[in-house]
Amino acid sequence: MAALWKAGGLFGEFNVNSTEFSPKDVYIMKFFDTTRAMPNDCGLADPMNKGFCQIRGKYRMTFPEFNMYAPYAQMFDKCGSQWPDYKRAAGC
């Protein structure tokens, strides 16, 4: 997904190595429109839902830090993280 965004120009003039992005890096990027109205089915299926829509599923998806970080140069190039929570050092 990050490679697609890079090809589409979402990172602007920033030099970003999209192969360094993890799935979490993709959903924490500040590219999502959280001001738009969600379909009624989203609210009925998951009232706690903020900015994304989960209609079905046995388990509830959570996305910590969803849509929080604006892009910057060399983003996530040297930010290691470890399973299971994928936390990074401060400033990464």
PDB file of N, CA and C in Angstrom:
ATOM      1  N   MET A   1       0.824  -1.184   0.000  1.00  0.00           N
ATOM      2  CA  MET A   1       0.000   0.000   0.000  1.00  0.00           C
ATOM      3  C   MET A   1       0.874   1.256   0.000  1.00  0.00           C
ATOM      4  N   ALA A   2       1.940   1.251   0.791  1.00  0.00           N
ATOM      5  CA  ALA A   2       2.804   2.431   0.840  1.00  0.00           C
ATOM      6  C   ALA A   2       3.457   2.695  -0.522  1.00  0.00           C
ATOM      7  N   ALA A   3       3.804   1.648  -1.241  1.00  0.00           N
ATOM      8  CA  ALA A   3       4.394   1.815  -2.582  1.00  0.00           C
ATOM      9  C   ALA A   3       3.380   2.444  -3.532  1.00  0.00           C
ATOM     10  N   LEU A   4       2.130   2.054  -3.397  1.00  0.00           N
ATOM     11  CA  LEU A   4       1.072   2.631  -4.227  1.00  0.00           C
ATOM     12  C   LEU A   4       0.900   4.115  -3.907  1.00  0.00           C
ATOM     13  N   TRP A   5       0.898   4.453  -2.628  1.00  0.00           N
ATOM     14  CA  TRP A   5       0.784   5.853  -2.225  1.00  0.00           C
ATOM     15  C   TRP A   5       1.971   6.663  -2.736  1.00  0.00           C
ATOM     16  N   LYS A   6       3.174   6.079  -2.662  1.00  0.00           N
ATOM     17  CA  LYS A   6       4.365   6.771  -3.153  1.00  0.00           C
ATOM     18  C   LYS A   6       4.242   7.029  -4.655  1.00  0.00           C
ATOM     19  N   ALA A   7       3.834   6.011  -5.400  1.00  0.00           N
ATOM     20  CA  ALA A   7       3.660   6.159  -6.851  1.00  0.00           C
ATOM     21  C   ALA A   7       2.588   7.193  -7.172  1.00  0.00           C
ATOM     22  N   GLY A   8       1.579   7.316  -6.326  1.00  0.00           N
ATOM     23  CA  GLY A   8       0.499   8.270  -6.531  1.00  0.00           C
ATOM     24  C   GLY A   8       0.839   9.686  -6.078  1.00  0.00           C
ATOM     25  N   GLY A   9       2.008   9.867  -5.460  1.00  0.00           N
ATOM     26  CA  GLY A   9       2.448  11.198  -5.074  1.00  0.00           C
ATOM     27  C   GLY A   9       1.999  11.676  -3.706  1.00  0.00           C
ATOM     28  N   LEU A  10       1.448  10.814  -2.868  1.00  0.00           N
ATOM     29  CA  LEU A  10       0.974  11.261  -1.558  1.00  0.00           C
ATOM     30  C   LEU A  10       2.094  11.727  -0.628  1.00  0.00           C
ATOM     31  N   PHE A  11       3.305  11.261  -0.858  1.00  0.00           N
ATOM     32  CA  PHE A  11       4.417  11.673   0.000  1.00  0.00           C
ATOM     33  C   PHE A  11       5.069  12.966  -0.478  1.00  0.00           C
ATOM     34  N   GLY A  12       4.569  13.500  -1.589  1.00  0.00           N
ATOM     35  CA  GLY A  12       5.100  14.764  -2.095  1.00  0.00           C
ATOM     36  C   GLY A  12       6.574  14.688  -2.393  1.00  0.00           C
ATOM     37  N   GLU A  13       7.306  15.711  -1.945  1.00  0.00           N
ATOM     38  CA  GLU A  13       8.738  15.771  -2.238  1.00  0.00           C
ATOM     39  C   GLU A  13       9.587  14.927  -1.298  1.00  0.00           C
ATOM     40  N   PHE A  14       8.982  14.328  -0.286  1.00  0.00           N
ATOM     41  CA  PHE A  14       9.751  13.554   0.686  1.00  0.00           C
ATOM     42  C   PHE A  14      10.314  12.282   0.072  1.00  0.00           C
ATOM     43  N   ASN A  15      11.575  11.983   0.411  1.00  0.00           N
ATOM     44  CA  ASN A  15      12.190  10.732  -0.002  1.00  0.00           C
ATOM     45  C   ASN A  15      11.776   9.664   1.016  1.00  0.00           C
ATOM     46  N   VAL A  16      10.922   8.763   0.602  1.00  0.00           N
ATOM     47  CA  VAL A  16      10.393   7.731   1.491  1.00  0.00           C
ATOM     48  C   VAL A  16      10.640   6.368   0.859  1.00  0.00           C
ATOM     49  N   ASN A  17      11.195   5.454   1.647  1.00  0.00           N
ATOM     50  CA  ASN A  17      11.439   4.095   1.185  1.00  0.00           C
ATOM     51  C   ASN A  17      10.237   3.243   1.587  1.00  0.00           C
ATOM     52  N   SER A  18       9.297   3.094   0.701  1.00  0.00           N
ATOM     53  CA  SER A  18       8.032   2.424   1.040  1.00  0.00           C
ATOM     54  C   SER A  18       8.209   0.944   1.388  1.00  0.00           C
ATOM     55  N   THR A  19       9.323   0.341   1.005  1.00  0.00           N
ATOM     56  CA  THR A  19       9.536  -1.069   1.356  1.00  0.00           C
ATOM     57  C   THR A  19       9.833  -1.243   2.835  1.00  0.00           C
ATOM     58  N   GLU A  20      10.119  -0.162   3.532  1.00  0.00           N
ATOM     59  CA  GLU A  20      10.379  -0.223   4.967  1.00  0.00           C
ATOM     60  C   GLU A  20       9.097  -0.122   5.801  1.00  0.00           C
ATOM     61  N   PHE A  21       7.956   0.067   5.160  1.00  0.00           N
ATOM     62  CA  PHE A  21       6.698   0.241   5.876  1.00  0.00           C
ATOM     63  C   PHE A  21       6.109  -1.108   6.271  1.00  0.00           C
ATOM     64  N   SER A  22       5.608  -1.171   7.497  1.00  0.00           N
ATOM     65  CA  SER A  22       4.879  -2.345   7.974  1.00  0.00           C
ATOM     66  C   SER A  22       3.381  -2.080   7.789  1.00  0.00           C
ATOM     67  N   PRO A  23       2.536  -3.082   7.981  1.00  0.00           N
ATOM     68  CA  PRO A  23       1.088  -2.821   7.896  1.00  0.00           C
ATOM     69  C   PRO A  23       0.643  -1.714   8.861  1.00  0.00           C
ATOM     70  N   LYS A  24       1.228  -1.675  10.064  1.00  0.00           N
ATOM     71  CA  LYS A  24       0.866  -0.622  11.007  1.00  0.00           C
ATOM     72  C   LYS A  24       1.268   0.751  10.470  1.00  0.00           C
ATOM     73  N   ASP A  25       2.437   0.841   9.838  1.00  0.00           N
ATOM     74  CA  ASP A  25       2.881   2.114   9.277  1.00  0.00           C
ATOM     75  C   ASP A  25       1.867   2.661   8.287  1.00  0.00           C
ATOM     76  N   VAL A  26       1.229   1.777   7.562  1.00  0.00           N
ATOM     77  CA  VAL A  26       0.247   2.199   6.561  1.00  0.00           C
ATOM     78  C   VAL A  26      -0.972   2.827   7.227  1.00  0.00           C
ATOM     79  N   TYR A  27      -1.512   2.208   8.277  1.00  0.00           N
ATOM     80  CA  TYR A  27      -2.741   2.768   8.855  1.00  0.00           C
ATOM     81  C   TYR A  27      -2.505   3.928   9.810  1.00  0.00           C
ATOM     82  N   ILE A  28      -1.266   4.157  10.250  1.00  0.00           N
ATOM     83  CA  ILE A  28      -1.028   5.319  11.115  1.00  0.00           C
ATOM     84  C   ILE A  28      -0.724   6.585  10.315  1.00  0.00           C
ATOM     85  N   MET A  29      -0.535   6.441   8.999  1.00  0.00           N
ATOM     86  CA  MET A  29      -0.273   7.605   8.149  1.00  0.00           C
ATOM     87  C   MET A  29      -1.501   8.517   8.115  1.00  0.00           C
ATOM     88  N   LYS A  30      -1.261   9.803   8.134  1.00  0.00           N
ATOM     89  CA  LYS A  30      -2.351  10.780   8.141  1.00  0.00           C
ATOM     90  C   LYS A  30      -2.823  11.048   6.711  1.00  0.00           C
ATOM     91  N   PHE A  31      -3.394  10.016   6.094  1.00  0.00           N
ATOM     92  CA  PHE A  31      -3.919  10.112   4.738  1.00  0.00           C
ATOM     93  C   PHE A  31      -5.419   9.828   4.699  1.00  0.00           C
ATOM     94  N   PHE A  32      -6.009   9.437   5.798  1.00  0.00           N
ATOM     95  CA  PHE A  32      -7.409   9.036   5.819  1.00  0.00           C
ATOM     96  C   PHE A  32      -8.310  10.204   6.200  1.00  0.00           C
ATOM     97  N   ASP A  33      -9.453  10.300   5.556  1.00  0.00           N
ATOM     98  CA  ASP A  33     -10.424  11.353   5.831  1.00  0.00           C
ATOM     99  C   ASP A  33     -11.353  10.878   6.941  1.00  0.00           C
ATOM    100  N   THR A  34     -11.104  11.335   8.151  1.00  0.00           N
ATOM    101  CA  THR A  34     -11.924  10.922   9.295  1.00  0.00           C
ATOM    102  C   THR A  34     -13.102  11.864   9.530  1.00  0.00           C
ATOM    103  N   THR A  35     -13.259  12.884   8.678  1.00  0.00           N
ATOM    104  CA  THR A  35     -14.365  13.822   8.848  1.00  0.00           C
ATOM    105  C   THR A  35     -15.591  13.412   8.045  1.00  0.00           C
ATOM    106  N   ARG A  36     -15.432  12.483   7.139  1.00  0.00           N
ATOM    107  CA  ARG A  36     -16.565  12.084   6.301  1.00  0.00           C
ATOM    108  C   ARG A  36     -17.568  11.269   7.120  1.00  0.00           C
ATOM    109  N   ALA A  37     -18.808  11.351   6.712  1.00  0.00           N
ATOM    110  CA  ALA A  37     -19.859  10.578   7.385  1.00  0.00           C
ATOM    111  C   ALA A  37     -19.757   9.116   6.955  1.00  0.00           C
ATOM    112  N   MET A  38     -19.830   8.237   7.917  1.00  0.00           N
ATOM    113  CA  MET A  38     -19.781   6.805   7.625  1.00  0.00           C
ATOM    114  C   MET A  38     -21.194   6.307   7.330  1.00  0.00           C
ATOM    115  N   PRO A  39     -21.320   5.264   6.542  1.00  0.00           N
ATOM    116  CA  PRO A  39     -22.637   4.682   6.293  1.00  0.00           C
ATOM    117  C   PRO A  39     -23.278   4.211   7.604  1.00  0.00           C
ATOM    118  N   ASN A  40     -24.583   4.254   7.679  1.00  0.00           N
ATOM    119  CA  ASN A  40     -25.289   3.848   8.896  1.00  0.00           C
ATOM    120  C   ASN A  40     -24.937   2.441   9.333  1.00  0.00           C
ATOM    121  N   ASP A  41     -24.719   1.549   8.365  1.00  0.00           N
ATOM    122  CA  ASP A  41     -24.380   0.164   8.705  1.00  0.00           C
ATOM    123  C   ASP A  41     -23.113   0.076   9.550  1.00  0.00           C
ATOM    124  N   CYS A  42     -22.177   0.990   9.345  1.00  0.00           N
ATOM    125  CA  CYS A  42     -20.941   0.988  10.122  1.00  0.00           C
ATOM    126  C   CYS A  42     -21.226   1.246  11.601  1.00  0.00           C
ATOM    127  N   GLY A  43     -22.007   2.267  11.878  1.00  0.00           N
ATOM    128  CA  GLY A  43     -22.352   2.598  13.255  1.00  0.00           C
ATOM    129  C   GLY A  43     -23.188   1.538  13.928  1.00  0.00           C
ATOM    130  N   LEU A  44     -24.082   0.904  13.172  1.00  0.00           N
ATOM    131  CA  LEU A  44     -24.907  -0.159  13.741  1.00  0.00           C
ATOM    132  C   LEU A  44     -24.072  -1.392  14.060  1.00  0.00           C
ATOM    133  N   ALA A  45     -23.141  -1.729  13.193  1.00  0.00           N
ATOM    134  CA  ALA A  45     -22.313  -2.919  13.387  1.00  0.00           C
ATOM    135  C   ALA A  45     -21.250  -2.707  14.460  1.00  0.00           C
ATOM    136  N   ASP A  46     -20.729  -1.492  14.567  1.00  0.00           N
ATOM    137  CA  ASP A  46     -19.640  -1.215  15.501  1.00  0.00           C
ATOM    138  C   ASP A  46     -19.693   0.241  15.956  1.00  0.00           C
ATOM    139  N   PRO A  47     -20.461   0.539  17.012  1.00  0.00           N
ATOM    140  CA  PRO A  47     -20.613   1.926  17.471  1.00  0.00           C
ATOM    141  C   PRO A  47     -19.309   2.578  17.931  1.00  0.00           C
ATOM    142  N   MET A  48     -18.305   1.790  18.314  1.00  0.00           N
ATOM    143  CA  MET A  48     -17.024   2.325  18.779  1.00  0.00           C
ATOM    144  C   MET A  48     -16.119   2.730  17.609  1.00  0.00           C
ATOM    145  N   ASN A  49     -16.561   2.460  16.425  1.00  0.00           N
ATOM    146  CA  ASN A  49     -15.809   2.667  15.205  1.00  0.00           C
ATOM    147  C   ASN A  49     -15.485   4.144  14.990  1.00  0.00           C
ATOM    148  N   LYS A  50     -14.214   4.475  14.752  1.00  0.00           N
ATOM    149  CA  LYS A  50     -13.797   5.865  14.511  1.00  0.00           C
ATOM    150  C   LYS A  50     -12.912   5.919  13.264  1.00  0.00           C
ATOM    151  N   GLY A  51     -13.472   6.341  12.153  1.00  0.00           N
ATOM    152  CA  GLY A  51     -12.677   6.566  10.965  1.00  0.00           C
ATOM    153  C   GLY A  51     -12.544   5.403  10.014  1.00  0.00           C
ATOM    154  N   PHE A  52     -12.970   4.236  10.400  1.00  0.00           N
ATOM    155  CA  PHE A  52     -12.932   3.077   9.519  1.00  0.00           C
ATOM    156  C   PHE A  52     -14.181   2.258   9.781  1.00  0.00           C
ATOM    157  N   CYS A  53     -14.488   1.344   8.897  1.00  0.00           N
ATOM    158  CA  CYS A  53     -15.755   0.633   8.969  1.00  0.00           C
ATOM    159  C   CYS A  53     -15.544  -0.878   8.982  1.00  0.00           C
ATOM    160  N   GLN A  54     -16.046  -1.511  10.008  1.00  0.00           N
ATOM    161  CA  GLN A  54     -16.017  -2.969  10.087  1.00  0.00           C
ATOM    162  C   GLN A  54     -17.465  -3.436  10.223  1.00  0.00           C
ATOM    163  N   ILE A  55     -17.966  -4.058   9.169  1.00  0.00           N
ATOM    164  CA  ILE A  55     -19.360  -4.487   9.143  1.00  0.00           C
ATOM    165  C   ILE A  55     -19.545  -5.864   9.766  1.00  0.00           C
ATOM    166  N   ARG A  56     -18.625  -6.765   9.468  1.00  0.00           N
ATOM    167  CA  ARG A  56     -18.779  -8.144   9.906  1.00  0.00           C
ATOM    168  C   ARG A  56     -17.494  -8.662  10.519  1.00  0.00           C
ATOM    169  N   GLY A  57     -17.614  -9.795  11.147  1.00  0.00           N
ATOM    170  CA  GLY A  57     -16.436 -10.470  11.682  1.00  0.00           C
ATOM    171  C   GLY A  57     -16.650 -10.912  13.101  1.00  0.00           C
ATOM    172  N   LYS A  58     -16.048 -12.010  13.430  1.00  0.00           N
ATOM    173  CA  LYS A  58     -16.156 -12.562  14.777  1.00  0.00           C
ATOM    174  C   LYS A  58     -15.374 -11.719  15.788  1.00  0.00           C
ATOM    175  N   TYR A  59     -14.275 -11.126  15.326  1.00  0.00           N
ATOM    176  CA  TYR A  59     -13.412 -10.340  16.204  1.00  0.00           C
ATOM    177  C   TYR A  59     -13.415  -8.880  15.765  1.00  0.00           C
ATOM    178  N   ARG A  60     -13.314  -7.988  16.735  1.00  0.00           N
ATOM    179  CA  ARG A  60     -13.292  -6.559  16.447  1.00  0.00           C
ATOM    180  C   ARG A  60     -11.862  -6.133  16.123  1.00  0.00           C
ATOM    181  N   MET A  61     -11.694  -5.449  15.004  1.00  0.00           N
ATOM    182  CA  MET A  61     -10.385  -4.933  14.616  1.00  0.00           C
ATOM    183  C   MET A  61     -10.110  -3.638  15.373  1.00  0.00           C
ATOM    184  N   THR A  62      -8.885  -3.469  15.811  1.00  0.00           N
ATOM    185  CA  THR A  62      -8.467  -2.217  16.436  1.00  0.00           C
ATOM    186  C   THR A  62      -7.226  -1.722  15.702  1.00  0.00           C
ATOM    187  N   PHE A  63      -7.088  -0.416  15.625  1.00  0.00           N
ATOM    188  CA  PHE A  63      -5.968   0.195  14.929  1.00  0.00           C
ATOM    189  C   PHE A  63      -5.380   1.297  15.796  1.00  0.00           C
ATOM    190  N   PRO A  64      -4.511   0.939  16.759  1.00  0.00           N
ATOM    191  CA  PRO A  64      -3.907   1.967  17.613  1.00  0.00           C
ATOM    192  C   PRO A  64      -3.147   2.999  16.775  1.00  0.00           C
ATOM    193  N   GLU A  65      -3.278   4.253  17.129  1.00  0.00           N
ATOM    194  CA  GLU A  65      -2.615   5.369  16.458  1.00  0.00           C
ATOM    195  C   GLU A  65      -3.117   5.589  15.026  1.00  0.00           C
ATOM    196  N   PHE A  66      -4.321   5.159  14.734  1.00  0.00           N
ATOM    197  CA  PHE A  66      -4.901   5.309  13.401  1.00  0.00           C
ATOM    198  C   PHE A  66      -4.860   6.762  12.942  1.00  0.00           C
ATOM    199  N   ASN A  67      -4.309   7.006  11.746  1.00  0.00           N
ATOM    200  CA  ASN A  67      -4.338   8.311  11.087  1.00  0.00           C
ATOM    201  C   ASN A  67      -3.682   9.432  11.903  1.00  0.00           C
ATOM    202  N   MET A  68      -2.546   9.150  12.544  1.00  0.00           N
ATOM    203  CA  MET A  68      -1.937  10.138  13.443  1.00  0.00           C
ATOM    204  C   MET A  68      -0.690  10.828  12.918  1.00  0.00           C
ATOM    205  N   TYR A  69       0.031  10.271  11.957  1.00  0.00           N
ATOM    206  CA  TYR A  69       1.346  10.798  11.608  1.00  0.00           C
ATOM    207  C   TYR A  69       1.409  11.316  10.181  1.00  0.00           C
ATOM    208  N   ALA A  70       1.761  12.590  10.045  1.00  0.00           N
ATOM    209  CA  ALA A  70       1.957  13.189   8.725  1.00  0.00           C
ATOM    210  C   ALA A  70       3.277  12.676   8.151  1.00  0.00           C
ATOM    211  N   PRO A  71       3.381  12.552   6.838  1.00  0.00           N
ATOM    212  CA  PRO A  71       4.612  12.042   6.239  1.00  0.00           C
ATOM    213  C   PRO A  71       5.792  12.998   6.425  1.00  0.00           C
ATOM    214  N   TYR A  72       6.986  12.433   6.490  1.00  0.00           N
ATOM    215  CA  TYR A  72       8.216  13.208   6.577  1.00  0.00           C
ATOM    216  C   TYR A  72       9.328  12.438   5.872  1.00  0.00           C
ATOM    217  N   ALA A  73      10.407  13.108   5.555  1.00  0.00           N
ATOM    218  CA  ALA A  73      11.512  12.502   4.814  1.00  0.00           C
ATOM    219  C   ALA A  73      12.119  11.336   5.592  1.00  0.00           C
ATOM    220  N   GLN A  74      12.485  10.291   4.867  1.00  0.00           N
ATOM    221  CA  GLN A  74      13.114   9.089   5.434  1.00  0.00           C
ATOM    222  C   GLN A  74      12.235   8.403   6.481  1.00  0.00           C
ATOM    223  N   MET A  75      10.945   8.566   6.356  1.00  0.00           N
ATOM    224  CA  MET A  75       9.986   8.031   7.320  1.00  0.00           C
ATOM    225  C   MET A  75      10.139   6.523   7.500  1.00  0.00           C
ATOM    226  N   PHE A  76      10.314   6.099   8.729  1.00  0.00           N
ATOM    227  CA  PHE A  76      10.389   4.700   9.149  1.00  0.00           C
ATOM    228  C   PHE A  76      11.585   3.937   8.582  1.00  0.00           C
ATOM    229  N   ASP A  77      12.583   4.619   8.044  1.00  0.00           N
ATOM    230  CA  ASP A  77      13.739   3.926   7.471  1.00  0.00           C
ATOM    231  C   ASP A  77      14.536   3.143   8.510  1.00  0.00           C
ATOM    232  N   LYS A  78      14.664   3.679   9.696  1.00  0.00           N
ATOM    233  CA  LYS A  78      15.486   3.022  10.713  1.00  0.00           C
ATOM    234  C   LYS A  78      14.722   2.866  12.021  1.00  0.00           C
ATOM    235  N   CYS A  79      13.469   2.524  11.914  1.00  0.00           N
ATOM    236  CA  CYS A  79      12.620   2.382  13.098  1.00  0.00           C
ATOM    237  C   CYS A  79      12.298   0.909  13.327  1.00  0.00           C
ATOM    238  N   GLY A  80      13.098   0.271  14.125  1.00  0.00           N
ATOM    239  CA  GLY A  80      12.843  -1.129  14.425  1.00  0.00           C
ATOM    240  C   GLY A  80      11.633  -1.294  15.315  1.00  0.00           C
ATOM    241  N   SER A  81      11.008  -2.421  15.229  1.00  0.00           N
ATOM    242  CA  SER A  81       9.873  -2.741  16.091  1.00  0.00           C
ATOM    243  C   SER A  81       9.832  -4.248  16.276  1.00  0.00           C
ATOM    244  N   GLN A  82       9.216  -4.666  17.355  1.00  0.00           N
ATOM    245  CA  GLN A  82       9.165  -6.088  17.672  1.00  0.00           C
ATOM    246  C   GLN A  82       7.741  -6.556  17.903  1.00  0.00           C
ATOM    247  N   TRP A  83       7.482  -7.747  17.448  1.00  0.00           N
ATOM    248  CA  TRP A  83       6.222  -8.406  17.700  1.00  0.00           C
ATOM    249  C   TRP A  83       6.079  -8.589  19.197  1.00  0.00           C
ATOM    250  N   PRO A  84       4.946  -8.524  19.834  1.00  0.00           N
ATOM    251  CA  PRO A  84       3.604  -8.506  19.279  1.00  0.00           C
ATOM    252  C   PRO A  84       2.975  -7.115  19.185  1.00  0.00           C
ATOM    253  N   ASP A  85       3.573  -6.110  19.816  1.00  0.00           N
ATOM    254  CA  ASP A  85       2.913  -4.785  19.813  1.00  0.00           C
ATOM    255  C   ASP A  85       3.546  -3.805  18.828  1.00  0.00           C
ATOM    256  N   TYR A  86       4.708  -4.122  18.285  1.00  0.00           N
ATOM    257  CA  TYR A  86       5.380  -3.308  17.276  1.00  0.00           C
ATOM    258  C   TYR A  86       5.624  -1.871  17.726  1.00  0.00           C
ATOM    259  N   LYS A  87       5.969  -1.684  18.994  1.00  0.00           N
ATOM    260  CA  LYS A  87       6.286  -0.352  19.500  1.00  0.00           C
ATOM    261  C   LYS A  87       7.669   0.056  19.022  1.00  0.00           C
ATOM    262  N   ARG A  88       7.840   1.358  18.817  1.00  0.00           N
ATOM    263  CA  ARG A  88       9.109   1.894  18.351  1.00  0.00           C
ATOM    264  C   ARG A  88       9.716   2.814  19.399  1.00  0.00           C
ATOM    265  N   ALA A  89      10.980   3.100  19.213  1.00  0.00           N
ATOM    266  CA  ALA A  89      11.660   4.053  20.090  1.00  0.00           C
ATOM    267  C   ALA A  89      11.074   5.449  19.851  1.00  0.00           C
ATOM    268  N   ALA A  90      11.174   6.303  20.842  1.00  0.00           N
ATOM    269  CA  ALA A  90      10.680   7.680  20.709  1.00  0.00           C
ATOM    270  C   ALA A  90      11.390   8.379  19.561  1.00  0.00           C
ATOM    271  N   GLY A  91      10.672   9.184  18.808  1.00  0.00           N
ATOM    272  CA  GLY A  91      11.224   9.932  17.703  1.00  0.00           C
ATOM    273  C   GLY A  91      11.273   9.177  16.395  1.00  0.00           C
ATOM    274  N   CYS A  92      10.786   7.979  16.388  1.00  0.00           N
ATOM    275  CA  CYS A  92      10.770   7.186  15.161  1.00  0.00           C
ATOM    276  C   CYS A  92       9.473   7.366  14.417  1.00  0.00           C
TER     277      CYS A  92
END
